[in-house]
């Protein structure tokens, strides 16, 4: 818990909303990335939009998605992408909604 609080204070959090078609195993829409304490949405809204688009392309390469695969892939991809583009490591919190 203490480590999570330190990460949040230092690097913030990025929440990614994924809507997944359970039967087809594909995303039904592009991921939406929201941040708190990581980048200011007004100033760097483009960074969040681009990260969502790139994540969508990354997940489209997977043959069939389920909630666990989508969650793990989102964390791995966004951790790498945000560190490469900003030098920060926000906590990544994926929220998967299966329809």
PDB file of N, CA and C in Angstrom:
ATOM      1  N   UNK A   1       0.827  -1.188   0.000  1.00  0.00           N
ATOM      2  CA  UNK A   1       0.000   0.000   0.000  1.00  0.00           C
ATOM      3  C   UNK A   1       0.873   1.255   0.000  1.00  0.00           C
ATOM      4  N   UNK A   2       1.919   1.239   0.807  1.00  0.00           N
ATOM      5  CA  UNK A   2       2.803   2.399   0.893  1.00  0.00           C
ATOM      6  C   UNK A   2       3.498   2.659  -0.440  1.00  0.00           C
ATOM      7  N   UNK A   3       3.933   1.592  -1.101  1.00  0.00           N
ATOM      8  CA  UNK A   3       4.586   1.738  -2.407  1.00  0.00           C
ATOM      9  C   UNK A   3       3.617   2.329  -3.430  1.00  0.00           C
ATOM     10  N   UNK A   4       2.358   1.885  -3.400  1.00  0.00           N
ATOM     11  CA  UNK A   4       1.350   2.430  -4.314  1.00  0.00           C
ATOM     12  C   UNK A   4       1.141   3.921  -4.071  1.00  0.00           C
ATOM     13  N   UNK A   5       1.104   4.320  -2.823  1.00  0.00           N
ATOM     14  CA  UNK A   5       0.926   5.741  -2.501  1.00  0.00           C
ATOM     15  C   UNK A   5       2.116   6.568  -2.960  1.00  0.00           C
ATOM     16  N   UNK A   6       3.316   6.018  -2.833  1.00  0.00           N
ATOM     17  CA  UNK A   6       4.511   6.731  -3.284  1.00  0.00           C
ATOM     18  C   UNK A   6       4.495   6.890  -4.800  1.00  0.00           C
ATOM     19  N   UNK A   7       4.088   5.843  -5.507  1.00  0.00           N
ATOM     20  CA  UNK A   7       3.989   5.905  -6.967  1.00  0.00           C
ATOM     21  C   UNK A   7       2.966   6.951  -7.390  1.00  0.00           C
ATOM     22  N   UNK A   8       1.806   6.950  -6.736  1.00  0.00           N
ATOM     23  CA  UNK A   8       0.765   7.924  -7.069  1.00  0.00           C
ATOM     24  C   UNK A   8       1.246   9.349  -6.831  1.00  0.00           C
ATOM     25  N   UNK A   9       1.940   9.568  -5.726  1.00  0.00           N
ATOM     26  CA  UNK A   9       2.419  10.913  -5.407  1.00  0.00           C
ATOM     27  C   UNK A   9       3.489  11.375  -6.390  1.00  0.00           C
ATOM     28  N   UNK A  10       4.355  10.462  -6.799  1.00  0.00           N
ATOM     29  CA  UNK A  10       5.478  10.828  -7.664  1.00  0.00           C
ATOM     30  C   UNK A  10       5.082  10.908  -9.139  1.00  0.00           C
ATOM     31  N   UNK A  11       4.378   9.886  -9.622  1.00  0.00           N
ATOM     32  CA  UNK A  11       4.129   9.764 -11.059  1.00  0.00           C
ATOM     33  C   UNK A  11       2.665   9.813 -11.463  1.00  0.00           C
ATOM     34  N   UNK A  12       1.732   9.767 -10.529  1.00  0.00           N
ATOM     35  CA  UNK A  12       0.319   9.842 -10.873  1.00  0.00           C
ATOM     36  C   UNK A  12      -0.267   8.507 -11.288  1.00  0.00           C
ATOM     37  N   UNK A  13      -1.436   8.586 -11.908  1.00  0.00           N
ATOM     38  CA  UNK A  13      -2.154   7.386 -12.329  1.00  0.00           C
ATOM     39  C   UNK A  13      -2.752   7.615 -13.711  1.00  0.00           C
ATOM     40  N   UNK A  14      -2.769   6.564 -14.509  1.00  0.00           N
ATOM     41  CA  UNK A  14      -3.445   6.581 -15.807  1.00  0.00           C
ATOM     42  C   UNK A  14      -4.477   5.459 -15.777  1.00  0.00           C
ATOM     43  N   UNK A  15      -5.719   5.819 -15.980  1.00  0.00           N
ATOM     44  CA  UNK A  15      -6.810   4.847 -15.996  1.00  0.00           C
ATOM     45  C   UNK A  15      -7.190   4.631 -17.450  1.00  0.00           C
ATOM     46  N   UNK A  16      -7.247   3.371 -17.865  1.00  0.00           N
ATOM     47  CA  UNK A  16      -7.608   3.073 -19.252  1.00  0.00           C
ATOM     48  C   UNK A  16      -8.896   2.249 -19.256  1.00  0.00           C
ATOM     49  N   UNK A  17      -9.897   2.746 -19.972  1.00  0.00           N
ATOM     50  CA  UNK A  17     -11.194   2.078 -20.074  1.00  0.00           C
ATOM     51  C   UNK A  17     -11.237   1.271 -21.360  1.00  0.00           C
ATOM     52  N   UNK A  18     -11.436  -0.030 -21.225  1.00  0.00           N
ATOM     53  CA  UNK A  18     -11.479  -0.935 -22.371  1.00  0.00           C
ATOM     54  C   UNK A  18     -12.853  -1.585 -22.432  1.00  0.00           C
ATOM     55  N   UNK A  19     -13.522  -1.477 -23.578  1.00  0.00           N
ATOM     56  CA  UNK A  19     -14.810  -2.133 -23.777  1.00  0.00           C
ATOM     57  C   UNK A  19     -14.585  -3.300 -24.719  1.00  0.00           C
ATOM     58  N   UNK A  20     -14.881  -4.487 -24.245  1.00  0.00           N
ATOM     59  CA  UNK A  20     -14.520  -5.720 -24.936  1.00  0.00           C
ATOM     60  C   UNK A  20     -15.763  -6.526 -25.297  1.00  0.00           C
ATOM     61  N   UNK A  21     -15.842  -6.961 -26.556  1.00  0.00           N
ATOM     62  CA  UNK A  21     -16.902  -7.868 -26.988  1.00  0.00           C
ATOM     63  C   UNK A  21     -16.494  -9.269 -26.549  1.00  0.00           C
ATOM     64  N   UNK A  22     -17.211  -9.823 -25.608  1.00  0.00           N
ATOM     65  CA  UNK A  22     -16.857 -11.114 -25.023  1.00  0.00           C
ATOM     66  C   UNK A  22     -16.906 -12.247 -26.050  1.00  0.00           C
ATOM     67  N   UNK A  23     -17.849 -12.200 -26.970  1.00  0.00           N
ATOM     68  CA  UNK A  23     -18.016 -13.288 -27.940  1.00  0.00           C
ATOM     69  C   UNK A  23     -16.951 -13.233 -29.029  1.00  0.00           C
ATOM     70  N   UNK A  24     -16.744 -12.054 -29.622  1.00  0.00           N
ATOM     71  CA  UNK A  24     -15.771 -11.922 -30.707  1.00  0.00           C
ATOM     72  C   UNK A  24     -14.341 -11.778 -30.207  1.00  0.00           C
ATOM     73  N   UNK A  25     -14.173 -11.395 -28.946  1.00  0.00           N
ATOM     74  CA  UNK A  25     -12.834 -11.232 -28.394  1.00  0.00           C
ATOM     75  C   UNK A  25     -12.100 -10.037 -28.967  1.00  0.00           C
ATOM     76  N   UNK A  26     -12.841  -8.957 -29.227  1.00  0.00           N
ATOM     77  CA  UNK A  26     -12.254  -7.739 -29.794  1.00  0.00           C
ATOM     78  C   UNK A  26     -12.785  -6.520 -29.049  1.00  0.00           C
ATOM     79  N   UNK A  27     -12.044  -5.414 -29.171  1.00  0.00           N
ATOM     80  CA  UNK A  27     -12.509  -4.157 -28.592  1.00  0.00           C
ATOM     81  C   UNK A  27     -13.708  -3.649 -29.380  1.00  0.00           C
ATOM     82  N   UNK A  28     -14.677  -3.057 -28.690  1.00  0.00           N
ATOM     83  CA  UNK A  28     -15.830  -2.486 -29.384  1.00  0.00           C
ATOM     84  C   UNK A  28     -15.618  -1.007 -29.689  1.00  0.00           C
ATOM     85  N   UNK A  29     -14.651  -0.381 -29.022  1.00  0.00           N
ATOM     86  CA  UNK A  29     -14.316   1.021 -29.277  1.00  0.00           C
ATOM     87  C   UNK A  29     -12.872   1.257 -28.856  1.00  0.00           C
ATOM     88  N   UNK A  30     -12.342   2.402 -29.258  1.00  0.00           N
ATOM     89  CA  UNK A  30     -10.972   2.735 -28.865  1.00  0.00           C
ATOM     90  C   UNK A  30     -10.890   2.903 -27.352  1.00  0.00           C
ATOM     91  N   UNK A  31      -9.774   2.509 -26.762  1.00  0.00           N
ATOM     92  CA  UNK A  31      -9.592   2.717 -25.327  1.00  0.00           C
ATOM     93  C   UNK A  31      -9.609   4.204 -24.986  1.00  0.00           C
ATOM     94  N   UNK A  32     -10.133   4.517 -23.819  1.00  0.00           N
ATOM     95  CA  UNK A  32     -10.122   5.898 -23.332  1.00  0.00           C
ATOM     96  C   UNK A  32      -9.144   5.968 -22.166  1.00  0.00           C
ATOM     97  N   UNK A  33      -8.186   6.880 -22.254  1.00  0.00           N
ATOM     98  CA  UNK A  33      -7.167   7.024 -21.215  1.00  0.00           C
ATOM     99  C   UNK A  33      -7.415   8.323 -20.459  1.00  0.00           C
ATOM    100  N   UNK A  34      -7.502   8.212 -19.146  1.00  0.00           N
ATOM    101  CA  UNK A  34      -7.731   9.347 -18.259  1.00  0.00           C
ATOM    102  C   UNK A  34      -6.559   9.393 -17.286  1.00  0.00           C
ATOM    103  N   UNK A  35      -6.084  10.583 -16.976  1.00  0.00           N
ATOM    104  CA  UNK A  35      -4.958  10.661 -16.043  1.00  0.00           C
ATOM    105  C   UNK A  35      -5.266  11.582 -14.877  1.00  0.00           C
ATOM    106  N   UNK A  36      -4.617  11.303 -13.767  1.00  0.00           N
ATOM    107  CA  UNK A  36      -4.669  12.151 -12.578  1.00  0.00           C
ATOM    108  C   UNK A  36      -3.253  12.226 -12.025  1.00  0.00           C
ATOM    109  N   UNK A  37      -2.725  13.436 -11.938  1.00  0.00           N
ATOM    110  CA  UNK A  37      -1.399  13.629 -11.381  1.00  0.00           C
ATOM    111  C   UNK A  37      -0.269  13.177 -12.273  1.00  0.00           C
ATOM    112  N   UNK A  38      -0.574  12.797 -13.498  1.00  0.00           N
ATOM    113  CA  UNK A  38       0.444  12.318 -14.432  1.00  0.00           C
ATOM    114  C   UNK A  38       0.740  13.388 -15.469  1.00  0.00           C
ATOM    115  N   UNK A  39      -0.232  13.688 -16.304  1.00  0.00           N
ATOM    116  CA  UNK A  39      -0.142  14.808 -17.242  1.00  0.00           C
ATOM    117  C   UNK A  39      -1.444  15.580 -17.120  1.00  0.00           C
ATOM    118  N   UNK A  40      -1.379  16.868 -17.304  1.00  0.00           N
ATOM    119  CA  UNK A  40      -2.583  17.680 -17.234  1.00  0.00           C
ATOM    120  C   UNK A  40      -3.357  17.507 -18.527  1.00  0.00           C
ATOM    121  N   UNK A  41      -4.617  17.087 -18.394  1.00  0.00           N
ATOM    122  CA  UNK A  41      -5.409  16.769 -19.578  1.00  0.00           C
ATOM    123  C   UNK A  41      -5.524  17.936 -20.539  1.00  0.00           C
ATOM    124  N   UNK A  42      -5.675  19.140 -20.035  1.00  0.00           N
ATOM    125  CA  UNK A  42      -5.805  20.294 -20.918  1.00  0.00           C
ATOM    126  C   UNK A  42      -4.571  20.503 -21.761  1.00  0.00           C
ATOM    127  N   UNK A  43      -3.420  20.334 -21.167  1.00  0.00           N
ATOM    128  CA  UNK A  43      -2.158  20.598 -21.844  1.00  0.00           C
ATOM    129  C   UNK A  43      -1.709  19.429 -22.725  1.00  0.00           C
ATOM    130  N   UNK A  44      -1.874  18.230 -22.234  1.00  0.00           N
ATOM    131  CA  UNK A  44      -1.359  17.062 -22.948  1.00  0.00           C
ATOM    132  C   UNK A  44      -2.459  16.080 -23.332  1.00  0.00           C
ATOM    133  N   UNK A  45      -3.609  16.613 -23.696  1.00  0.00           N
ATOM    134  CA  UNK A  45      -4.725  15.757 -24.096  1.00  0.00           C
ATOM    135  C   UNK A  45      -4.337  14.890 -25.295  1.00  0.00           C
ATOM    136  N   UNK A  46      -3.491  15.448 -26.144  1.00  0.00           N
ATOM    137  CA  UNK A  46      -3.034  14.710 -27.327  1.00  0.00           C
ATOM    138  C   UNK A  46      -2.262  13.448 -26.935  1.00  0.00           C
ATOM    139  N   UNK A  47      -1.417  13.540 -25.913  1.00  0.00           N
ATOM    140  CA  UNK A  47      -0.657  12.375 -25.451  1.00  0.00           C
ATOM    141  C   UNK A  47      -1.598  11.250 -25.039  1.00  0.00           C
ATOM    142  N   UNK A  48      -2.657  11.588 -24.331  1.00  0.00           N
ATOM    143  CA  UNK A  48      -3.612  10.577 -23.882  1.00  0.00           C
ATOM    144  C   UNK A  48      -4.382   9.986 -25.060  1.00  0.00           C
ATOM    145  N   UNK A  49      -4.773  10.827 -26.018  1.00  0.00           N
ATOM    146  CA  UNK A  49      -5.497  10.335 -27.196  1.00  0.00           C
ATOM    147  C   UNK A  49      -4.610   9.424 -28.037  1.00  0.00           C
ATOM    148  N   UNK A  50      -3.366   9.836 -28.244  1.00  0.00           N
ATOM    149  CA  UNK A  50      -2.427   9.026 -29.036  1.00  0.00           C
ATOM    150  C   UNK A  50      -2.169   7.694 -28.338  1.00  0.00           C
ATOM    151  N   UNK A  51      -2.005   7.726 -27.022  1.00  0.00           N
ATOM    152  CA  UNK A  51      -1.752   6.474 -26.299  1.00  0.00           C
ATOM    153  C   UNK A  51      -2.934   5.517 -26.448  1.00  0.00           C
ATOM    154  N   UNK A  52      -4.161   6.039 -26.416  1.00  0.00           N
ATOM    155  CA  UNK A  52      -5.337   5.197 -26.616  1.00  0.00           C
ATOM    156  C   UNK A  52      -5.387   4.599 -28.009  1.00  0.00           C
ATOM    157  N   UNK A  53      -5.055   5.403 -29.027  1.00  0.00           N
ATOM    158  CA  UNK A  53      -5.049   4.900 -30.409  1.00  0.00           C
ATOM    159  C   UNK A  53      -3.984   3.829 -30.610  1.00  0.00           C
ATOM    160  N   UNK A  54      -2.788   4.070 -30.080  1.00  0.00           N
ATOM    161  CA  UNK A  54      -1.711   3.085 -30.218  1.00  0.00           C
ATOM    162  C   UNK A  54      -2.031   1.797 -29.462  1.00  0.00           C
ATOM    163  N   UNK A  55      -2.643   1.928 -28.296  1.00  0.00           N
ATOM    164  CA  UNK A  55      -3.047   0.739 -27.540  1.00  0.00           C
ATOM    165  C   UNK A  55      -4.094  -0.055 -28.310  1.00  0.00           C
ATOM    166  N   UNK A  56      -5.016   0.635 -28.958  1.00  0.00           N
ATOM    167  CA  UNK A  56      -6.035  -0.039 -29.762  1.00  0.00           C
ATOM    168  C   UNK A  56      -5.391  -0.872 -30.867  1.00  0.00           C
ATOM    169  N   UNK A  57      -4.396  -0.297 -31.539  1.00  0.00           N
ATOM    170  CA  UNK A  57      -3.683  -1.032 -32.597  1.00  0.00           C
ATOM    171  C   UNK A  57      -2.927  -2.223 -32.024  1.00  0.00           C
ATOM    172  N   UNK A  58      -2.321  -2.031 -30.864  1.00  0.00           N
ATOM    173  CA  UNK A  58      -1.585  -3.121 -30.206  1.00  0.00           C
ATOM    174  C   UNK A  58      -2.526  -4.272 -29.849  1.00  0.00           C
ATOM    175  N   UNK A  59      -3.686  -3.956 -29.302  1.00  0.00           N
ATOM    176  CA  UNK A  59      -4.638  -4.994 -28.911  1.00  0.00           C
ATOM    177  C   UNK A  59      -5.280  -5.659 -30.123  1.00  0.00           C
ATOM    178  N   UNK A  60      -5.389  -4.940 -31.242  1.00  0.00           N
ATOM    179  CA  UNK A  60      -5.967  -5.516 -32.460  1.00  0.00           C
ATOM    180  C   UNK A  60      -5.079  -6.628 -33.019  1.00  0.00           C
ATOM    181  N   UNK A  61      -3.805  -6.619 -32.672  1.00  0.00           N
ATOM    182  CA  UNK A  61      -2.885  -7.670 -33.140  1.00  0.00           C
ATOM    183  C   UNK A  61      -3.100  -9.002 -32.430  1.00  0.00           C
ATOM    184  N   UNK A  62      -3.746  -8.955 -31.281  1.00  0.00           N
ATOM    185  CA  UNK A  62      -3.993 -10.187 -30.526  1.00  0.00           C
ATOM    186  C   UNK A  62      -5.098 -10.969 -31.228  1.00  0.00           C
ATOM    187  N   UNK A  63      -4.930 -12.283 -31.380  1.00  0.00           N
ATOM    188  CA  UNK A  63      -5.938 -13.071 -32.100  1.00  0.00           C
ATOM    189  C   UNK A  63      -7.309 -13.058 -31.424  1.00  0.00           C
ATOM    190  N   UNK A  64      -7.344 -13.181 -30.105  1.00  0.00           N
ATOM    191  CA  UNK A  64      -8.614 -13.129 -29.386  1.00  0.00           C
ATOM    192  C   UNK A  64      -8.338 -12.610 -27.982  1.00  0.00           C
ATOM    193  N   UNK A  65      -9.107 -11.612 -27.596  1.00  0.00           N
ATOM    194  CA  UNK A  65      -8.913 -10.982 -26.290  1.00  0.00           C
ATOM    195  C   UNK A  65      -9.924 -11.490 -25.277  1.00  0.00           C
ATOM    196  N   UNK A  66      -9.461 -11.644 -24.055  1.00  0.00           N
ATOM    197  CA  UNK A  66     -10.368 -11.777 -22.928  1.00  0.00           C
ATOM    198  C   UNK A  66      -9.955 -10.701 -21.928  1.00  0.00           C
ATOM    199  N   UNK A  67     -10.645 -10.608 -20.822  1.00  0.00           N
ATOM    200  CA  UNK A  67     -10.384  -9.521 -19.873  1.00  0.00           C
ATOM    201  C   UNK A  67      -8.951  -9.547 -19.356  1.00  0.00           C
ATOM    202  N   UNK A  68      -8.430 -10.727 -19.032  1.00  0.00           N
ATOM    203  CA  UNK A  68      -7.076 -10.821 -18.478  1.00  0.00           C
ATOM    204  C   UNK A  68      -6.021 -10.437 -19.503  1.00  0.00           C
ATOM    205  N   UNK A  69      -6.140 -10.952 -20.715  1.00  0.00           N
ATOM    206  CA  UNK A  69      -5.166 -10.628 -21.769  1.00  0.00           C
ATOM    207  C   UNK A  69      -5.192  -9.130 -22.056  1.00  0.00           C
ATOM    208  N   UNK A  70      -6.382  -8.553 -22.171  1.00  0.00           N
ATOM    209  CA  UNK A  70      -6.507  -7.118 -22.457  1.00  0.00           C
ATOM    210  C   UNK A  70      -5.907  -6.288 -21.328  1.00  0.00           C
ATOM    211  N   UNK A  71      -6.186  -6.660 -20.090  1.00  0.00           N
ATOM    212  CA  UNK A  71      -5.673  -5.931 -18.927  1.00  0.00           C
ATOM    213  C   UNK A  71      -4.143  -5.986 -18.889  1.00  0.00           C
ATOM    214  N   UNK A  72      -3.580  -7.185 -19.020  1.00  0.00           N
ATOM    215  CA  UNK A  72      -2.122  -7.349 -18.964  1.00  0.00           C
ATOM    216  C   UNK A  72      -1.425  -6.627 -20.111  1.00  0.00           C
ATOM    217  N   UNK A  73      -1.984  -6.739 -21.320  1.00  0.00           N
ATOM    218  CA  UNK A  73      -1.378  -6.085 -22.490  1.00  0.00           C
ATOM    219  C   UNK A  73      -1.439  -4.563 -22.353  1.00  0.00           C
ATOM    220  N   UNK A  74      -2.538  -4.048 -21.817  1.00  0.00           N
ATOM    221  CA  UNK A  74      -2.675  -2.597 -21.633  1.00  0.00           C
ATOM    222  C   UNK A  74      -1.641  -2.077 -20.644  1.00  0.00           C
ATOM    223  N   UNK A  75      -1.460  -2.779 -19.538  1.00  0.00           N
ATOM    224  CA  UNK A  75      -0.470  -2.360 -18.540  1.00  0.00           C
ATOM    225  C   UNK A  75       0.924  -2.371 -19.146  1.00  0.00           C
ATOM    226  N   UNK A  76       1.280  -3.472 -19.789  1.00  0.00           N
ATOM    227  CA  UNK A  76       2.624  -3.603 -20.371  1.00  0.00           C
ATOM    228  C   UNK A  76       2.885  -2.520 -21.422  1.00  0.00           C
ATOM    229  N   UNK A  77       1.932  -2.321 -22.327  1.00  0.00           N
ATOM    230  CA  UNK A  77       2.119  -1.353 -23.405  1.00  0.00           C
ATOM    231  C   UNK A  77       2.188   0.078 -22.872  1.00  0.00           C
ATOM    232  N   UNK A  78       1.243   0.456 -22.007  1.00  0.00           N
ATOM    233  CA  UNK A  78       1.200   1.840 -21.528  1.00  0.00           C
ATOM    234  C   UNK A  78       2.368   2.180 -20.613  1.00  0.00           C
ATOM    235  N   UNK A  79       2.812   1.223 -19.795  1.00  0.00           N
ATOM    236  CA  UNK A  79       4.004   1.482 -18.968  1.00  0.00           C
ATOM    237  C   UNK A  79       5.194   1.833 -19.851  1.00  0.00           C
ATOM    238  N   UNK A  80       5.396   1.037 -20.882  1.00  0.00           N
ATOM    239  CA  UNK A  80       6.519   1.266 -21.801  1.00  0.00           C
ATOM    240  C   UNK A  80       6.341   2.584 -22.566  1.00  0.00           C
ATOM    241  N   UNK A  81       5.150   2.819 -23.097  1.00  0.00           N
ATOM    242  CA  UNK A  81       4.895   4.015 -23.897  1.00  0.00           C
ATOM    243  C   UNK A  81       5.061   5.295 -23.074  1.00  0.00           C
ATOM    244  N   UNK A  82       4.462   5.337 -21.889  1.00  0.00           N
ATOM    245  CA  UNK A  82       4.554   6.551 -21.071  1.00  0.00           C
ATOM    246  C   UNK A  82       5.982   6.813 -20.605  1.00  0.00           C
ATOM    247  N   UNK A  83       6.721   5.758 -20.288  1.00  0.00           N
ATOM    248  CA  UNK A  83       8.103   5.976 -19.864  1.00  0.00           C
ATOM    249  C   UNK A  83       8.946   6.505 -21.022  1.00  0.00           C
ATOM    250  N   UNK A  84       8.736   5.947 -22.219  1.00  0.00           N
ATOM    251  CA  UNK A  84       9.503   6.397 -23.388  1.00  0.00           C
ATOM    252  C   UNK A  84       9.166   7.838 -23.767  1.00  0.00           C
ATOM    253  N   UNK A  85       7.912   8.246 -23.618  1.00  0.00           N
ATOM    254  CA  UNK A  85       7.514   9.585 -24.063  1.00  0.00           C
ATOM    255  C   UNK A  85       7.654  10.663 -22.991  1.00  0.00           C
ATOM    256  N   UNK A  86       7.526  10.286 -21.710  1.00  0.00           N
ATOM    257  CA  UNK A  86       7.550  11.303 -20.657  1.00  0.00           C
ATOM    258  C   UNK A  86       8.644  11.096 -19.619  1.00  0.00           C
ATOM    259  N   UNK A  87       9.197   9.891 -19.557  1.00  0.00           N
ATOM    260  CA  UNK A  87      10.182   9.590 -18.521  1.00  0.00           C
ATOM    261  C   UNK A  87       9.552   9.318 -17.168  1.00  0.00           C
ATOM    262  N   UNK A  88       8.236   9.193 -17.130  1.00  0.00           N
ATOM    263  CA  UNK A  88       7.526   8.921 -15.876  1.00  0.00           C
ATOM    264  C   UNK A  88       6.861   7.558 -15.936  1.00  0.00           C
ATOM    265  N   UNK A  89       6.629   6.992 -14.765  1.00  0.00           N
ATOM    266  CA  UNK A  89       6.007   5.675 -14.658  1.00  0.00           C
ATOM    267  C   UNK A  89       4.730   5.766 -13.808  1.00  0.00           C
ATOM    268  N   UNK A  90       3.635   6.218 -14.406  1.00  0.00           N
ATOM    269  CA  UNK A  90       2.397   6.294 -13.621  1.00  0.00           C
ATOM    270  C   UNK A  90       1.855   4.892 -13.332  1.00  0.00           C
ATOM    271  N   UNK A  91       1.055   4.792 -12.294  1.00  0.00           N
ATOM    272  CA  UNK A  91       0.359   3.539 -12.041  1.00  0.00           C
ATOM    273  C   UNK A  91      -0.689   3.394 -13.147  1.00  0.00           C
ATOM    274  N   UNK A  92      -0.756   2.234 -13.771  1.00  0.00           N
ATOM    275  CA  UNK A  92      -1.725   1.974 -14.839  1.00  0.00           C
ATOM    276  C   UNK A  92      -2.863   1.150 -14.246  1.00  0.00           C
ATOM    277  N   UNK A  93      -4.076   1.661 -14.361  1.00  0.00           N
ATOM    278  CA  UNK A  93      -5.247   0.966 -13.846  1.00  0.00           C
ATOM    279  C   UNK A  93      -6.213   0.695 -14.999  1.00  0.00           C
ATOM    280  N   UNK A  94      -6.168  -0.523 -15.565  1.00  0.00           N
ATOM    281  CA  UNK A  94      -7.109  -0.843 -16.638  1.00  0.00           C
ATOM    282  C   UNK A  94      -8.467  -1.255 -16.066  1.00  0.00           C
ATOM    283  N   UNK A  95      -9.521  -0.758 -16.701  1.00  0.00           N
ATOM    284  CA  UNK A  95     -10.884  -1.133 -16.342  1.00  0.00           C
ATOM    285  C   UNK A  95     -11.489  -1.766 -17.590  1.00  0.00           C
ATOM    286  N   UNK A  96     -11.784  -3.067 -17.505  1.00  0.00           N
ATOM    287  CA  UNK A  96     -12.305  -3.798 -18.660  1.00  0.00           C
ATOM    288  C   UNK A  96     -13.795  -4.043 -18.452  1.00  0.00           C
ATOM    289  N   UNK A  97     -14.589  -3.597 -19.434  1.00  0.00           N
ATOM    290  CA  UNK A  97     -16.029  -3.823 -19.414  1.00  0.00           C
ATOM    291  C   UNK A  97     -16.335  -4.797 -20.542  1.00  0.00           C
ATOM    292  N   UNK A  98     -16.864  -5.961 -20.173  1.00  0.00           N
ATOM    293  CA  UNK A  98     -17.213  -6.959 -21.192  1.00  0.00           C
ATOM    294  C   UNK A  98     -18.691  -6.828 -21.548  1.00  0.00           C
ATOM    295  N   UNK A  99     -18.961  -6.781 -22.864  1.00  0.00           N
ATOM    296  CA  UNK A  99     -20.348  -6.689 -23.333  1.00  0.00           C
ATOM    297  C   UNK A  99     -20.659  -7.847 -24.244  1.00  0.00           C
TER     298      UNK A  99
END
